[in-house]
Amino acid sequence: MTVCTCPASVAMANRRDNLKTIWQSPEWKAANKIFHSLHPDNTCERCGRTGKIVPGHTSEDYLDMSSYIAKVRDNRCEALCGMCNWQESKGKNPCPICVSRKSEVIHYIGQYQEECFYCLPDAVIEKRELRKAGYKKWIRDMRDADNAKRREEYKRRKSVEK
């Protein structure tokens, strides 16, 4: 088994190891108990799912252990479900339209997006499909032209050889 040694993977592994030591500390366990007592309904503040919640942190919260634990203890972080917390680490948020519709499946979008592909108006989806079909036709035409040139060159070489 090969181990990835790229800087990003090493940094992520080190960060996880540091967090594991924090999560095993008695201070964290006490702060986490307080946080969960303040959120008895176990509802995610972003998507509205109910179930197991975790404290959602911003990137600045990870600078030192004391501020990380203090934010949880003082309820200065969001109550997130596991999926929202995981997507947050990738820079994504739940689609606001999926959340407002209370969809069974909630799609996550990048920070620059306003809605997911499934919530776009039909006119926009049709326009994208037409543009996609036009692009595919353009590619096919380019390949056909290249192939025609190759066939002509092949025929020319065959006639010269005879």
C-alpha atoms as a PDB file:
ATOM      1  CA  MET A   1       0.000   0.000   0.000  1.00  0.00           C
ATOM      2  CA  THR A   2       1.389   3.369  -0.983  1.00  0.00           C
ATOM      3  CA  VAL A   3       0.995   6.350   1.266  1.00  0.00           C
ATOM      4  CA  CYS A   4       0.383   9.741  -0.287  1.00  0.00           C
ATOM      5  CA  THR A   5       3.043  12.174   0.871  1.00  0.00           C
ATOM      6  CA  CYS A   6       1.821  15.289  -0.884  1.00  0.00           C
ATOM      7  CA  PRO A   7       1.801  18.347   1.407  1.00  0.00           C
ATOM      8  CA  ALA A   8      -1.994  18.621   1.480  1.00  0.00           C
ATOM      9  CA  SER A   9      -2.430  14.993   2.575  1.00  0.00           C
ATOM     10  CA  VAL A  10       0.240  15.306   5.245  1.00  0.00           C
ATOM     11  CA  ALA A  11      -1.329  18.533   6.531  1.00  0.00           C
ATOM     12  CA  MET A  12      -4.778  16.897   6.660  1.00  0.00           C
ATOM     13  CA  ALA A  13      -3.422  13.880   8.533  1.00  0.00           C
ATOM     14  CA  ASN A  14      -1.624  16.132  11.030  1.00  0.00           C
ATOM     15  CA  ARG A  15      -4.782  18.220  11.508  1.00  0.00           C
ATOM     16  CA  ARG A  16      -6.858  15.081  12.148  1.00  0.00           C
ATOM     17  CA  ASP A  17      -4.285  13.813  14.650  1.00  0.00           C
ATOM     18  CA  ASN A  18      -4.346  17.158  16.479  1.00  0.00           C
ATOM     19  CA  LEU A  19      -8.146  17.140  16.557  1.00  0.00           C
ATOM     20  CA  LYS A  20      -8.199  13.584  17.907  1.00  0.00           C
ATOM     21  CA  THR A  21      -6.103  14.684  20.879  1.00  0.00           C
ATOM     22  CA  ILE A  22      -8.521  17.587  21.472  1.00  0.00           C
ATOM     23  CA  TRP A  23     -11.593  15.357  21.161  1.00  0.00           C
ATOM     24  CA  GLN A  24     -10.178  12.960  23.763  1.00  0.00           C
ATOM     25  CA  SER A  25      -9.495  15.686  26.314  1.00  0.00           C
ATOM     26  CA  PRO A  26     -11.805  16.113  29.337  1.00  0.00           C
ATOM     27  CA  GLU A  27     -12.247  19.832  28.509  1.00  0.00           C
ATOM     28  CA  TRP A  28     -13.645  18.963  25.072  1.00  0.00           C
ATOM     29  CA  LYS A  29     -15.956  16.305  26.453  1.00  0.00           C
ATOM     30  CA  ALA A  30     -17.386  18.764  28.997  1.00  0.00           C
ATOM     31  CA  ALA A  31     -17.813  21.504  26.362  1.00  0.00           C
ATOM     32  CA  ASN A  32     -19.424  19.058  23.938  1.00  0.00           C
ATOM     33  CA  LYS A  33     -21.875  17.956  26.641  1.00  0.00           C
ATOM     34  CA  ILE A  34     -22.855  21.606  27.229  1.00  0.00           C
ATOM     35  CA  PHE A  35     -23.241  22.166  23.464  1.00  0.00           C
ATOM     36  CA  HIS A  36     -25.530  19.164  23.091  1.00  0.00           C
ATOM     37  CA  SER A  37     -27.599  20.202  26.107  1.00  0.00           C
ATOM     38  CA  LEU A  38     -28.216  23.554  24.364  1.00  0.00           C
ATOM     39  CA  HIS A  39     -29.441  21.711  21.228  1.00  0.00           C
ATOM     40  CA  PRO A  40     -31.835  19.039  22.538  1.00  0.00           C
ATOM     41  CA  ASP A  41     -33.822  18.876  19.275  1.00  0.00           C
ATOM     42  CA  ASN A  42     -30.692  17.675  17.354  1.00  0.00           C
ATOM     43  CA  THR A  43     -31.625  19.722  14.281  1.00  0.00           C
ATOM     44  CA  CYS A  44     -29.042  20.906  11.773  1.00  0.00           C
ATOM     45  CA  GLU A  45     -29.082  24.704  11.496  1.00  0.00           C
ATOM     46  CA  ARG A  46     -28.345  24.623   7.759  1.00  0.00           C
ATOM     47  CA  CYS A  47     -30.415  21.863   6.222  1.00  0.00           C
ATOM     48  CA  GLY A  48     -32.986  21.128   8.936  1.00  0.00           C
ATOM     49  CA  ARG A  49     -32.192  17.411   9.235  1.00  0.00           C
ATOM     50  CA  THR A  50     -32.651  15.847  12.627  1.00  0.00           C
ATOM     51  CA  GLY A  51     -30.225  13.338  14.028  1.00  0.00           C
ATOM     52  CA  LYS A  52     -26.723  13.394  15.366  1.00  0.00           C
ATOM     53  CA  ILE A  53     -25.267  16.910  15.327  1.00  0.00           C
ATOM     54  CA  VAL A  54     -21.742  18.230  15.679  1.00  0.00           C
ATOM     55  CA  PRO A  55     -20.401  21.725  16.340  1.00  0.00           C
ATOM     56  CA  GLY A  56     -19.603  23.433  13.040  1.00  0.00           C
ATOM     57  CA  HIS A  57     -16.442  25.513  13.144  1.00  0.00           C
ATOM     58  CA  THR A  58     -14.931  28.164  10.925  1.00  0.00           C
ATOM     59  CA  SER A  59     -11.322  27.848   9.816  1.00  0.00           C
ATOM     60  CA  GLU A  60     -10.203  30.444  12.397  1.00  0.00           C
ATOM     61  CA  ASP A  61     -11.484  28.238  15.216  1.00  0.00           C
ATOM     62  CA  TYR A  62      -8.722  25.719  14.590  1.00  0.00           C
ATOM     63  CA  LEU A  63      -5.895  28.084  15.491  1.00  0.00           C
ATOM     64  CA  ASP A  64      -5.595  26.886  19.084  1.00  0.00           C
ATOM     65  CA  MET A  65      -7.261  24.352  21.348  1.00  0.00           C
ATOM     66  CA  SER A  66      -8.579  26.843  23.907  1.00  0.00           C
ATOM     67  CA  SER A  67     -10.547  28.926  21.385  1.00  0.00           C
ATOM     68  CA  TYR A  68     -11.792  25.756  19.656  1.00  0.00           C
ATOM     69  CA  ILE A  69     -13.215  24.403  22.911  1.00  0.00           C
ATOM     70  CA  ALA A  70     -14.454  27.824  24.114  1.00  0.00           C
ATOM     71  CA  LYS A  71     -16.548  28.310  20.955  1.00  0.00           C
ATOM     72  CA  VAL A  72     -18.271  24.990  21.570  1.00  0.00           C
ATOM     73  CA  ARG A  73     -18.788  25.628  25.274  1.00  0.00           C
ATOM     74  CA  ASP A  74     -20.178  29.142  24.683  1.00  0.00           C
ATOM     75  CA  ASN A  75     -22.390  27.967  21.775  1.00  0.00           C
ATOM     76  CA  ARG A  76     -20.637  30.231  19.271  1.00  0.00           C
ATOM     77  CA  CYS A  77     -20.720  27.678  16.470  1.00  0.00           C
ATOM     78  CA  GLU A  78     -23.495  26.159  14.381  1.00  0.00           C
ATOM     79  CA  ALA A  79     -25.121  22.829  15.121  1.00  0.00           C
ATOM     80  CA  LEU A  80     -24.521  20.823  11.934  1.00  0.00           C
ATOM     81  CA  CYS A  81     -25.401  17.342  10.783  1.00  0.00           C
ATOM     82  CA  GLY A  82     -22.523  15.161   9.684  1.00  0.00           C
ATOM     83  CA  MET A  83     -23.178  15.787   5.985  1.00  0.00           C
ATOM     84  CA  CYS A  84     -23.252  19.587   6.343  1.00  0.00           C
ATOM     85  CA  ASN A  85     -20.095  19.482   8.456  1.00  0.00           C
ATOM     86  CA  TRP A  86     -18.305  17.322   5.881  1.00  0.00           C
ATOM     87  CA  GLN A  87     -19.470  19.493   2.964  1.00  0.00           C
ATOM     88  CA  GLU A  88     -18.406  22.614   4.895  1.00  0.00           C
ATOM     89  CA  SER A  89     -14.851  21.267   4.948  1.00  0.00           C
ATOM     90  CA  LYS A  90     -15.048  21.095   1.141  1.00  0.00           C
ATOM     91  CA  GLY A  91     -16.390  24.679   0.917  1.00  0.00           C
ATOM     92  CA  LYS A  92     -19.967  23.725   0.039  1.00  0.00           C
ATOM     93  CA  ASN A  93     -23.361  24.627   1.495  1.00  0.00           C
ATOM     94  CA  PRO A  94     -26.799  23.076   1.079  1.00  0.00           C
ATOM     95  CA  CYS A  95     -28.878  24.409  -1.826  1.00  0.00           C
ATOM     96  CA  PRO A  96     -31.292  26.952  -0.273  1.00  0.00           C
ATOM     97  CA  ILE A  97     -34.104  25.906  -2.618  1.00  0.00           C
ATOM     98  CA  CYS A  98     -33.729  22.216  -1.709  1.00  0.00           C
ATOM     99  CA  VAL A  99     -33.820  23.213   1.971  1.00  0.00           C
ATOM    100  CA  SER A 100     -36.868  25.471   1.552  1.00  0.00           C
ATOM    101  CA  ARG A 101     -38.727  22.710  -0.316  1.00  0.00           C
ATOM    102  CA  LYS A 102     -37.803  20.312   2.485  1.00  0.00           C
ATOM    103  CA  SER A 103     -36.578  17.878  -0.173  1.00  0.00           C
ATOM    104  CA  GLU A 104     -35.691  14.372   0.890  1.00  0.00           C
ATOM    105  CA  VAL A 105     -32.405  14.735  -1.004  1.00  0.00           C
ATOM    106  CA  ILE A 106     -30.512  17.943  -0.368  1.00  0.00           C
ATOM    107  CA  HIS A 107     -27.841  18.878  -2.890  1.00  0.00           C
ATOM    108  CA  TYR A 108     -24.743  20.838  -1.946  1.00  0.00           C
ATOM    109  CA  ILE A 109     -23.420  23.728  -3.988  1.00  0.00           C
ATOM    110  CA  GLY A 110     -20.228  25.761  -4.203  1.00  0.00           C
ATOM    111  CA  GLN A 111     -19.974  29.167  -2.621  1.00  0.00           C
ATOM    112  CA  TYR A 112     -20.372  30.921  -5.975  1.00  0.00           C
ATOM    113  CA  GLN A 113     -23.647  29.143  -6.806  1.00  0.00           C
ATOM    114  CA  GLU A 114     -27.147  30.223  -5.860  1.00  0.00           C
ATOM    115  CA  GLU A 115     -28.945  26.930  -6.502  1.00  0.00           C
ATOM    116  CA  CYS A 116     -28.181  23.370  -7.506  1.00  0.00           C
ATOM    117  CA  PHE A 117     -28.650  21.975 -11.013  1.00  0.00           C
ATOM    118  CA  TYR A 118     -31.863  20.216  -9.988  1.00  0.00           C
ATOM    119  CA  CYS A 119     -33.474  23.450  -8.789  1.00  0.00           C
ATOM    120  CA  LEU A 120     -32.706  25.475 -11.912  1.00  0.00           C
ATOM    121  CA  PRO A 121     -35.689  26.673 -13.962  1.00  0.00           C
ATOM    122  CA  ASP A 122     -36.616  24.427 -16.903  1.00  0.00           C
ATOM    123  CA  ALA A 123     -35.722  27.165 -19.399  1.00  0.00           C
ATOM    124  CA  VAL A 124     -32.154  27.332 -18.112  1.00  0.00           C
ATOM    125  CA  ILE A 125     -31.789  23.544 -18.216  1.00  0.00           C
ATOM    126  CA  GLU A 126     -33.114  23.453 -21.808  1.00  0.00           C
ATOM    127  CA  LYS A 127     -30.706  26.221 -22.819  1.00  0.00           C
ATOM    128  CA  ARG A 128     -27.793  24.278 -21.318  1.00  0.00           C
ATOM    129  CA  GLU A 129     -28.858  21.098 -23.089  1.00  0.00           C
ATOM    130  CA  LEU A 130     -29.070  22.944 -26.428  1.00  0.00           C
ATOM    131  CA  ARG A 131     -25.642  24.480 -25.896  1.00  0.00           C
ATOM    132  CA  LYS A 132     -24.271  21.044 -24.971  1.00  0.00           C
ATOM    133  CA  ALA A 133     -25.815  19.475 -28.099  1.00  0.00           C
ATOM    134  CA  GLY A 134     -24.359  22.289 -30.251  1.00  0.00           C
ATOM    135  CA  TYR A 135     -20.913  21.712 -28.748  1.00  0.00           C
ATOM    136  CA  LYS A 136     -21.130  17.976 -29.410  1.00  0.00           C
ATOM    137  CA  LYS A 137     -22.133  18.675 -33.042  1.00  0.00           C
ATOM    138  CA  TRP A 138     -19.195  21.069 -33.436  1.00  0.00           C
ATOM    139  CA  ILE A 139     -16.792  18.403 -32.099  1.00  0.00           C
ATOM    140  CA  ARG A 140     -18.283  15.792 -34.445  1.00  0.00           C
ATOM    141  CA  ASP A 141     -17.919  18.177 -37.425  1.00  0.00           C
ATOM    142  CA  MET A 142     -14.286  18.904 -36.521  1.00  0.00           C
ATOM    143  CA  ARG A 143     -13.494  15.189 -36.252  1.00  0.00           C
ATOM    144  CA  ASP A 144     -15.260  14.450 -39.530  1.00  0.00           C
ATOM    145  CA  ALA A 145     -13.229  17.174 -41.265  1.00  0.00           C
ATOM    146  CA  ASP A 146      -9.970  15.830 -39.799  1.00  0.00           C
ATOM    147  CA  ASN A 147     -10.872  12.298 -40.851  1.00  0.00           C
ATOM    148  CA  ALA A 148     -11.725  13.477 -44.372  1.00  0.00           C
ATOM    149  CA  LYS A 149      -8.269  15.128 -44.620  1.00  0.00           C
ATOM    150  CA  ARG A 150      -6.614  11.920 -43.435  1.00  0.00           C
ATOM    151  CA  ARG A 151      -8.550   9.842 -45.980  1.00  0.00           C
ATOM    152  CA  GLU A 152      -7.518  12.197 -48.773  1.00  0.00           C
ATOM    153  CA  GLU A 153      -3.885  12.016 -47.676  1.00  0.00           C
ATOM    154  CA  TYR A 154      -4.102   8.218 -47.470  1.00  0.00           C
ATOM    155  CA  LYS A 155      -5.591   8.044 -51.000  1.00  0.00           C
ATOM    156  CA  ARG A 156      -2.903  10.389 -52.314  1.00  0.00           C
ATOM    157  CA  ARG A 157      -0.118   8.266 -50.826  1.00  0.00           C
ATOM    158  CA  LYS A 158      -1.691   5.071 -52.209  1.00  0.00           C
ATOM    159  CA  SER A 159      -1.819   6.562 -55.719  1.00  0.00           C
ATOM    160  CA  VAL A 160       1.807   7.751 -55.515  1.00  0.00           C
ATOM    161  CA  GLU A 161       3.002   4.294 -54.401  1.00  0.00           C
ATOM    162  CA  LYS A 162       1.417   2.590 -57.444  1.00  0.00           C
END
